[in-house]
N, C-alpha and C. Protein backbone atom coordinates (compact mmCIF):
# COMPACT_ATOMS: atom_id res chain seq x y z
N MET A 1 -64.91 -56.46 43.00
CA MET A 1 -66.29 -56.47 43.43
C MET A 1 -67.05 -55.37 42.68
N ALA A 2 -68.10 -55.74 42.03
CA ALA A 2 -68.91 -54.78 41.28
C ALA A 2 -69.96 -54.14 42.19
N LEU A 3 -70.13 -52.86 42.01
CA LEU A 3 -71.18 -52.15 42.72
C LEU A 3 -72.35 -52.01 41.77
N TYR A 4 -73.53 -52.33 42.25
CA TYR A 4 -74.71 -52.27 41.42
C TYR A 4 -75.53 -51.05 41.82
N LYS A 5 -75.98 -50.31 40.82
CA LYS A 5 -76.85 -49.16 41.03
C LYS A 5 -78.17 -49.44 40.34
N THR A 6 -79.21 -49.04 40.97
CA THR A 6 -80.54 -49.21 40.41
C THR A 6 -81.12 -47.84 40.11
N LEU A 7 -81.64 -47.66 38.91
CA LEU A 7 -82.38 -46.47 38.55
C LEU A 7 -83.86 -46.79 38.63
N VAL A 8 -84.63 -45.93 39.25
CA VAL A 8 -86.06 -46.10 39.35
C VAL A 8 -86.72 -44.95 38.62
N PHE A 9 -87.52 -45.25 37.62
CA PHE A 9 -88.24 -44.24 36.87
C PHE A 9 -89.68 -44.24 37.37
N CYS A 10 -90.19 -43.08 37.72
CA CYS A 10 -91.53 -42.98 38.30
C CYS A 10 -92.35 -41.94 37.53
N SER A 11 -93.62 -42.19 37.47
CA SER A 11 -94.55 -41.22 36.92
C SER A 11 -95.63 -41.01 37.98
N TRP A 12 -95.79 -39.77 38.40
CA TRP A 12 -96.68 -39.48 39.53
C TRP A 12 -98.05 -39.04 39.07
N ALA A 13 -99.01 -39.29 39.92
CA ALA A 13 -100.38 -38.81 39.69
C ALA A 13 -100.69 -37.73 40.71
N ALA A 14 -101.57 -36.84 40.36
CA ALA A 14 -102.18 -35.85 41.27
C ALA A 14 -101.19 -34.86 41.84
N GLU A 15 -100.22 -34.41 41.07
CA GLU A 15 -99.32 -33.36 41.56
C GLU A 15 -100.10 -32.08 41.85
N GLU A 16 -100.98 -31.72 40.93
CA GLU A 16 -101.73 -30.47 41.08
C GLU A 16 -102.72 -30.51 42.25
N TYR A 17 -102.99 -31.68 42.76
CA TYR A 17 -103.95 -31.82 43.86
C TYR A 17 -103.25 -32.09 45.18
N GLY A 18 -102.03 -31.65 45.31
CA GLY A 18 -101.33 -31.78 46.60
C GLY A 18 -100.19 -32.77 46.58
N LEU A 19 -99.59 -33.02 45.42
CA LEU A 19 -98.43 -33.92 45.33
C LEU A 19 -98.77 -35.31 45.84
N VAL A 20 -99.99 -35.73 45.64
CA VAL A 20 -100.49 -36.97 46.23
C VAL A 20 -99.65 -38.19 45.87
N GLY A 21 -99.39 -38.41 44.60
CA GLY A 21 -98.68 -39.63 44.20
C GLY A 21 -97.28 -39.71 44.76
N SER A 22 -96.50 -38.66 44.55
CA SER A 22 -95.10 -38.68 45.00
C SER A 22 -95.00 -38.69 46.53
N MET A 23 -95.87 -37.95 47.20
CA MET A 23 -95.84 -37.94 48.68
C MET A 23 -96.18 -39.31 49.25
N GLU A 24 -97.20 -39.94 48.71
CA GLU A 24 -97.56 -41.29 49.18
C GLU A 24 -96.41 -42.26 49.00
N TRP A 25 -95.75 -42.18 47.82
CA TRP A 25 -94.65 -43.09 47.52
C TRP A 25 -93.47 -42.85 48.45
N THR A 26 -93.11 -41.57 48.67
CA THR A 26 -91.98 -41.30 49.55
C THR A 26 -92.30 -41.67 50.99
N GLU A 27 -93.54 -41.54 51.40
CA GLU A 27 -93.92 -41.99 52.74
C GLU A 27 -93.83 -43.49 52.86
N GLN A 28 -94.32 -44.20 51.84
CA GLN A 28 -94.31 -45.66 51.88
C GLN A 28 -92.88 -46.23 51.87
N PHE A 29 -92.00 -45.61 51.11
CA PHE A 29 -90.65 -46.13 50.96
C PHE A 29 -89.58 -45.24 51.61
N SER A 30 -89.95 -44.48 52.60
CA SER A 30 -89.03 -43.51 53.19
C SER A 30 -87.77 -44.16 53.77
N LYS A 31 -87.89 -45.28 54.42
CA LYS A 31 -86.71 -45.92 55.02
C LYS A 31 -85.72 -46.37 53.93
N GLN A 32 -86.23 -47.04 52.90
CA GLN A 32 -85.37 -47.50 51.82
C GLN A 32 -84.73 -46.31 51.10
N LEU A 33 -85.50 -45.26 50.87
CA LEU A 33 -84.98 -44.07 50.17
C LEU A 33 -83.91 -43.38 51.01
N GLN A 34 -84.14 -43.24 52.29
CA GLN A 34 -83.14 -42.61 53.15
C GLN A 34 -81.84 -43.40 53.18
N ASP A 35 -81.94 -44.71 53.13
CA ASP A 35 -80.76 -45.57 53.17
C ASP A 35 -80.04 -45.68 51.83
N ARG A 36 -80.78 -45.60 50.72
CA ARG A 36 -80.20 -45.96 49.44
C ARG A 36 -80.22 -44.89 48.36
N ALA A 37 -81.11 -43.93 48.43
CA ALA A 37 -81.23 -42.95 47.34
C ALA A 37 -80.04 -42.00 47.33
N VAL A 38 -79.53 -41.76 46.16
CA VAL A 38 -78.41 -40.81 45.98
C VAL A 38 -78.95 -39.43 45.61
N ALA A 39 -79.95 -39.39 44.74
CA ALA A 39 -80.54 -38.12 44.30
C ALA A 39 -81.86 -38.39 43.62
N TYR A 40 -82.69 -37.35 43.53
CA TYR A 40 -83.93 -37.41 42.81
C TYR A 40 -83.87 -36.37 41.70
N LEU A 41 -84.09 -36.81 40.45
CA LEU A 41 -84.07 -35.93 39.29
C LEU A 41 -85.50 -35.71 38.83
N ASN A 42 -85.96 -34.49 38.87
CA ASN A 42 -87.33 -34.15 38.49
C ASN A 42 -87.30 -33.57 37.06
N VAL A 43 -87.94 -34.27 36.14
CA VAL A 43 -87.99 -33.79 34.76
C VAL A 43 -89.43 -33.84 34.22
N ASP A 44 -90.35 -33.36 35.03
CA ASP A 44 -91.75 -33.40 34.59
C ASP A 44 -92.05 -32.36 33.50
N MET A 45 -91.16 -31.40 33.31
CA MET A 45 -91.26 -30.45 32.21
C MET A 45 -89.90 -30.40 31.53
N ALA A 46 -89.50 -31.48 30.90
CA ALA A 46 -88.15 -31.59 30.35
C ALA A 46 -87.85 -30.51 29.32
N ILE A 47 -88.84 -30.14 28.53
CA ILE A 47 -88.61 -29.15 27.48
C ILE A 47 -89.78 -28.16 27.45
N GLU A 48 -89.47 -26.89 27.70
CA GLU A 48 -90.48 -25.85 27.55
C GLU A 48 -89.96 -24.76 26.59
N GLY A 49 -88.88 -25.04 25.92
CA GLY A 49 -88.26 -24.13 24.97
C GLY A 49 -86.95 -24.70 24.48
N ASN A 50 -86.25 -23.93 23.65
CA ASN A 50 -84.97 -24.42 23.11
C ASN A 50 -83.84 -23.40 23.30
N TYR A 51 -84.00 -22.52 24.28
CA TYR A 51 -83.04 -21.43 24.47
C TYR A 51 -81.83 -21.84 25.30
N THR A 52 -82.05 -22.44 26.46
CA THR A 52 -80.94 -22.85 27.33
C THR A 52 -81.43 -23.75 28.45
N LEU A 53 -80.49 -24.24 29.21
CA LEU A 53 -80.79 -25.07 30.38
C LEU A 53 -81.31 -24.20 31.51
N ARG A 54 -82.22 -24.75 32.31
CA ARG A 54 -82.71 -24.10 33.54
C ARG A 54 -82.71 -25.16 34.63
N THR A 55 -82.13 -24.81 35.76
CA THR A 55 -82.03 -25.79 36.84
C THR A 55 -82.40 -25.20 38.17
N LYS A 56 -82.97 -26.05 39.01
CA LYS A 56 -83.16 -25.78 40.43
C LYS A 56 -82.58 -27.00 41.12
N SER A 57 -81.74 -26.76 42.13
CA SER A 57 -81.04 -27.88 42.70
C SER A 57 -80.71 -27.68 44.16
N ALA A 58 -80.52 -28.79 44.85
CA ALA A 58 -79.93 -28.77 46.19
C ALA A 58 -78.45 -28.42 45.98
N PRO A 59 -77.87 -27.62 46.85
CA PRO A 59 -76.45 -27.25 46.71
C PRO A 59 -75.51 -28.44 46.56
N LEU A 60 -75.86 -29.55 47.15
CA LEU A 60 -75.02 -30.75 47.07
C LEU A 60 -74.81 -31.21 45.63
N LEU A 61 -75.74 -30.88 44.76
CA LEU A 61 -75.66 -31.33 43.36
C LEU A 61 -75.14 -30.28 42.38
N TYR A 62 -74.84 -29.09 42.83
CA TYR A 62 -74.40 -28.02 41.94
C TYR A 62 -73.22 -28.47 41.07
N ASP A 63 -72.14 -28.94 41.69
CA ASP A 63 -70.95 -29.32 40.93
C ASP A 63 -71.24 -30.48 39.97
N VAL A 64 -72.09 -31.40 40.36
CA VAL A 64 -72.46 -32.52 39.51
C VAL A 64 -73.10 -31.98 38.23
N VAL A 65 -74.02 -31.04 38.39
CA VAL A 65 -74.74 -30.49 37.24
C VAL A 65 -73.81 -29.67 36.36
N TYR A 66 -72.98 -28.83 36.98
CA TYR A 66 -72.03 -28.04 36.20
C TYR A 66 -71.11 -28.98 35.38
N ASN A 67 -70.55 -29.97 36.02
CA ASN A 67 -69.62 -30.88 35.34
C ASN A 67 -70.31 -31.71 34.28
N ALA A 68 -71.51 -32.19 34.55
CA ALA A 68 -72.22 -32.99 33.56
C ALA A 68 -72.59 -32.15 32.34
N SER A 69 -73.02 -30.91 32.56
CA SER A 69 -73.41 -30.07 31.43
C SER A 69 -72.21 -29.70 30.55
N LYS A 70 -71.02 -29.75 31.11
CA LYS A 70 -69.80 -29.51 30.33
C LYS A 70 -69.47 -30.70 29.41
N GLN A 71 -70.08 -31.83 29.66
CA GLN A 71 -69.83 -33.04 28.86
C GLN A 71 -70.92 -33.29 27.80
N VAL A 72 -72.00 -32.53 27.86
CA VAL A 72 -73.10 -32.75 26.92
C VAL A 72 -72.91 -31.85 25.70
N PRO A 73 -72.81 -32.44 24.51
CA PRO A 73 -72.63 -31.64 23.30
C PRO A 73 -73.81 -30.69 23.09
N ASN A 74 -73.51 -29.50 22.64
CA ASN A 74 -74.53 -28.49 22.38
C ASN A 74 -75.40 -28.95 21.20
N PRO A 75 -76.72 -28.97 21.36
CA PRO A 75 -77.59 -29.42 20.27
C PRO A 75 -77.83 -28.34 19.22
N ASP A 76 -77.39 -27.11 19.47
CA ASP A 76 -77.65 -25.99 18.56
C ASP A 76 -76.42 -25.74 17.68
N PRO A 77 -76.51 -26.07 16.38
CA PRO A 77 -75.35 -25.87 15.50
C PRO A 77 -74.84 -24.42 15.48
N ALA A 78 -75.72 -23.44 15.60
CA ALA A 78 -75.31 -22.04 15.59
C ALA A 78 -74.46 -21.73 16.84
N GLU A 79 -74.82 -22.33 17.96
CA GLU A 79 -74.04 -22.12 19.18
C GLU A 79 -72.67 -22.78 19.08
N VAL A 80 -72.63 -23.95 18.48
CA VAL A 80 -71.34 -24.64 18.28
C VAL A 80 -70.46 -23.80 17.36
N ALA A 81 -71.05 -23.29 16.27
CA ALA A 81 -70.29 -22.46 15.34
C ALA A 81 -69.77 -21.17 16.01
N ALA A 82 -70.50 -20.72 17.03
CA ALA A 82 -70.09 -19.49 17.76
C ALA A 82 -69.05 -19.80 18.85
N GLY A 83 -68.60 -21.05 18.92
CA GLY A 83 -67.56 -21.39 19.90
C GLY A 83 -68.08 -21.88 21.22
N ARG A 84 -69.34 -22.31 21.24
CA ARG A 84 -69.92 -22.85 22.48
C ARG A 84 -70.31 -24.32 22.22
N PRO A 85 -69.35 -25.21 22.37
CA PRO A 85 -69.57 -26.62 21.99
C PRO A 85 -70.39 -27.44 22.98
N THR A 86 -70.62 -26.94 24.19
CA THR A 86 -71.35 -27.74 25.18
C THR A 86 -72.58 -27.00 25.67
N VAL A 87 -73.48 -27.75 26.27
CA VAL A 87 -74.68 -27.17 26.90
C VAL A 87 -74.27 -26.16 27.96
N TYR A 88 -73.21 -26.46 28.70
CA TYR A 88 -72.71 -25.54 29.73
C TYR A 88 -72.35 -24.18 29.14
N ASP A 89 -71.69 -24.17 28.01
CA ASP A 89 -71.24 -22.92 27.38
C ASP A 89 -72.40 -21.99 27.07
N THR A 90 -73.47 -22.54 26.49
CA THR A 90 -74.64 -21.73 26.17
C THR A 90 -75.38 -21.32 27.44
N TRP A 91 -75.48 -22.21 28.38
CA TRP A 91 -76.11 -21.92 29.68
C TRP A 91 -75.40 -20.75 30.35
N LEU A 92 -74.08 -20.79 30.35
CA LEU A 92 -73.29 -19.71 30.97
C LEU A 92 -73.53 -18.37 30.26
N LEU A 93 -73.60 -18.39 28.94
CA LEU A 93 -73.83 -17.16 28.18
C LEU A 93 -75.25 -16.62 28.40
N ARG A 94 -76.23 -17.50 28.36
CA ARG A 94 -77.62 -17.06 28.33
C ARG A 94 -78.28 -16.91 29.71
N ARG A 95 -77.73 -17.56 30.71
CA ARG A 95 -78.27 -17.42 32.08
C ARG A 95 -77.12 -17.31 33.08
N PRO A 96 -76.35 -16.25 32.98
CA PRO A 96 -75.23 -16.09 33.92
C PRO A 96 -75.75 -15.83 35.33
N ASP A 97 -74.98 -16.21 36.32
CA ASP A 97 -75.34 -15.99 37.73
C ASP A 97 -74.69 -14.68 38.19
N ALA A 98 -75.49 -13.68 38.46
CA ALA A 98 -74.98 -12.37 38.86
C ALA A 98 -74.25 -12.45 40.22
N GLN A 99 -74.62 -13.39 41.05
CA GLN A 99 -74.00 -13.51 42.37
C GLN A 99 -72.72 -14.35 42.33
N HIS A 100 -72.55 -15.13 41.27
CA HIS A 100 -71.37 -16.00 41.15
C HIS A 100 -70.83 -15.86 39.73
N PRO A 101 -70.11 -14.77 39.46
CA PRO A 101 -69.56 -14.54 38.12
C PRO A 101 -68.75 -15.74 37.63
N GLY A 102 -68.93 -16.06 36.38
CA GLY A 102 -68.20 -17.18 35.79
C GLY A 102 -68.96 -18.49 35.87
N LEU A 103 -70.16 -18.46 36.48
CA LEU A 103 -70.99 -19.66 36.57
C LEU A 103 -72.36 -19.37 35.98
N PRO A 104 -73.00 -20.38 35.40
CA PRO A 104 -74.38 -20.19 34.97
C PRO A 104 -75.31 -20.20 36.20
N ARG A 105 -76.47 -19.62 36.03
CA ARG A 105 -77.41 -19.51 37.16
C ARG A 105 -77.98 -20.88 37.52
N MET A 106 -77.83 -21.19 38.80
CA MET A 106 -78.40 -22.42 39.36
C MET A 106 -79.29 -21.96 40.51
N GLN A 107 -80.58 -22.14 40.36
CA GLN A 107 -81.50 -21.73 41.41
C GLN A 107 -81.56 -22.78 42.51
N SER A 108 -81.77 -22.31 43.73
CA SER A 108 -81.99 -23.24 44.83
C SER A 108 -83.37 -23.86 44.67
N ILE A 109 -83.46 -25.12 45.00
CA ILE A 109 -84.73 -25.82 44.85
C ILE A 109 -85.64 -25.44 46.03
N GLY A 110 -86.89 -25.25 45.74
CA GLY A 110 -87.83 -24.89 46.78
C GLY A 110 -88.78 -26.03 47.04
N SER A 111 -90.07 -25.78 46.87
CA SER A 111 -91.07 -26.83 47.02
C SER A 111 -92.16 -26.57 46.01
N GLY A 112 -93.17 -27.41 46.02
CA GLY A 112 -94.29 -27.21 45.11
C GLY A 112 -94.29 -28.15 43.91
N SER A 113 -93.37 -29.08 43.87
CA SER A 113 -93.38 -30.09 42.82
C SER A 113 -93.08 -31.44 43.46
N ASP A 114 -93.02 -32.47 42.62
CA ASP A 114 -92.90 -33.82 43.15
C ASP A 114 -91.60 -34.09 43.90
N TYR A 115 -90.62 -33.21 43.80
CA TYR A 115 -89.40 -33.40 44.57
C TYR A 115 -89.58 -33.05 46.05
N THR A 116 -90.67 -32.41 46.42
CA THR A 116 -90.88 -31.94 47.79
C THR A 116 -90.73 -33.07 48.82
N GLY A 117 -91.36 -34.19 48.58
CA GLY A 117 -91.27 -35.30 49.53
C GLY A 117 -89.88 -35.84 49.69
N PHE A 118 -89.14 -35.86 48.60
CA PHE A 118 -87.77 -36.36 48.64
C PHE A 118 -86.86 -35.36 49.36
N GLN A 119 -86.88 -34.11 48.94
CA GLN A 119 -85.99 -33.09 49.48
C GLN A 119 -86.32 -32.72 50.92
N HIS A 120 -87.58 -32.43 51.19
CA HIS A 120 -87.95 -31.83 52.46
C HIS A 120 -88.44 -32.82 53.51
N ARG A 121 -88.90 -33.97 53.10
CA ARG A 121 -89.38 -34.96 54.07
C ARG A 121 -88.31 -35.97 54.46
N ILE A 122 -87.53 -36.43 53.46
CA ILE A 122 -86.57 -37.50 53.78
C ILE A 122 -85.12 -37.14 53.50
N GLY A 123 -84.88 -35.93 53.00
CA GLY A 123 -83.52 -35.45 52.87
C GLY A 123 -82.72 -35.96 51.70
N VAL A 124 -83.37 -36.36 50.63
CA VAL A 124 -82.67 -36.79 49.42
C VAL A 124 -82.44 -35.54 48.56
N PRO A 125 -81.19 -35.26 48.16
CA PRO A 125 -80.94 -34.08 47.34
C PRO A 125 -81.63 -34.20 45.98
N CYS A 126 -82.18 -33.07 45.53
CA CYS A 126 -83.01 -33.08 44.33
C CYS A 126 -82.53 -32.07 43.30
N LEU A 127 -82.88 -32.37 42.05
CA LEU A 127 -82.58 -31.52 40.91
C LEU A 127 -83.82 -31.44 40.03
N ASP A 128 -84.24 -30.24 39.70
CA ASP A 128 -85.31 -30.00 38.75
C ASP A 128 -84.66 -29.38 37.53
N ILE A 129 -84.74 -30.03 36.39
CA ILE A 129 -83.97 -29.60 35.22
C ILE A 129 -84.85 -29.61 33.98
N ARG A 130 -84.62 -28.61 33.12
CA ARG A 130 -85.37 -28.53 31.87
C ARG A 130 -84.63 -27.62 30.89
N TYR A 131 -84.99 -27.77 29.64
CA TYR A 131 -84.57 -26.79 28.62
C TYR A 131 -85.69 -25.77 28.56
N THR A 132 -85.34 -24.49 28.54
CA THR A 132 -86.35 -23.44 28.66
C THR A 132 -86.26 -22.40 27.56
N HIS A 133 -87.17 -21.47 27.60
CA HIS A 133 -87.27 -20.39 26.61
C HIS A 133 -86.52 -19.16 27.10
N ASP A 134 -86.41 -18.19 26.24
CA ASP A 134 -85.80 -16.90 26.57
C ASP A 134 -86.82 -16.10 27.38
N ASP A 135 -86.46 -15.71 28.59
CA ASP A 135 -87.37 -14.97 29.47
C ASP A 135 -87.78 -13.62 28.91
N VAL A 136 -86.98 -13.07 28.00
CA VAL A 136 -87.26 -11.74 27.43
C VAL A 136 -88.41 -11.81 26.42
N ILE A 137 -88.49 -12.89 25.69
CA ILE A 137 -89.52 -13.05 24.67
C ILE A 137 -90.80 -13.50 25.35
N GLN A 138 -91.90 -12.82 25.04
CA GLN A 138 -93.17 -13.10 25.72
C GLN A 138 -94.10 -14.03 24.93
N ASN A 139 -94.01 -14.03 23.62
CA ASN A 139 -94.94 -14.82 22.80
C ASN A 139 -94.18 -15.93 22.10
N TYR A 140 -94.78 -17.12 22.12
CA TYR A 140 -94.16 -18.27 21.49
C TYR A 140 -95.16 -18.97 20.61
N THR A 141 -94.67 -19.52 19.53
CA THR A 141 -95.54 -20.35 18.70
C THR A 141 -95.63 -21.71 19.36
N ASN A 142 -96.50 -22.52 18.85
CA ASN A 142 -96.61 -23.90 19.32
C ASN A 142 -95.53 -24.78 18.72
N TYR A 143 -94.74 -24.21 17.81
CA TYR A 143 -93.74 -24.99 17.09
C TYR A 143 -92.36 -24.39 17.36
N ILE A 144 -91.74 -24.84 18.41
CA ILE A 144 -90.41 -24.34 18.78
C ILE A 144 -89.35 -25.19 18.16
């Protein structure tokens, strides 16, 4: 027996005006989402730099993210040459978690973005993920 999974890709309107689009959608489909949704992945800022991975997540998804990032080849040839062949390896080096030595920093997800309706209203675990810049460097060109 085959199990079928459906991926739903959404683009929201009016986040800056009170999360209007995503909140309306989660309210309209709350019963179906509570029954069927496995997770919500928020990638509205997929790339804001090329330094390392940055994540905010529900604790339920921590291991999923750690394990998945260990399977993604590192896109930076210099990092691969330095012995860091996966995204996880660079993430661990560049954003270590001071409270959990040996793990990269995984922030707890809060609110204020389109995941709010999913995480806080209907209980769907959420992940906000992006590639980010070096926090130490203050000025960036438009061409990263």
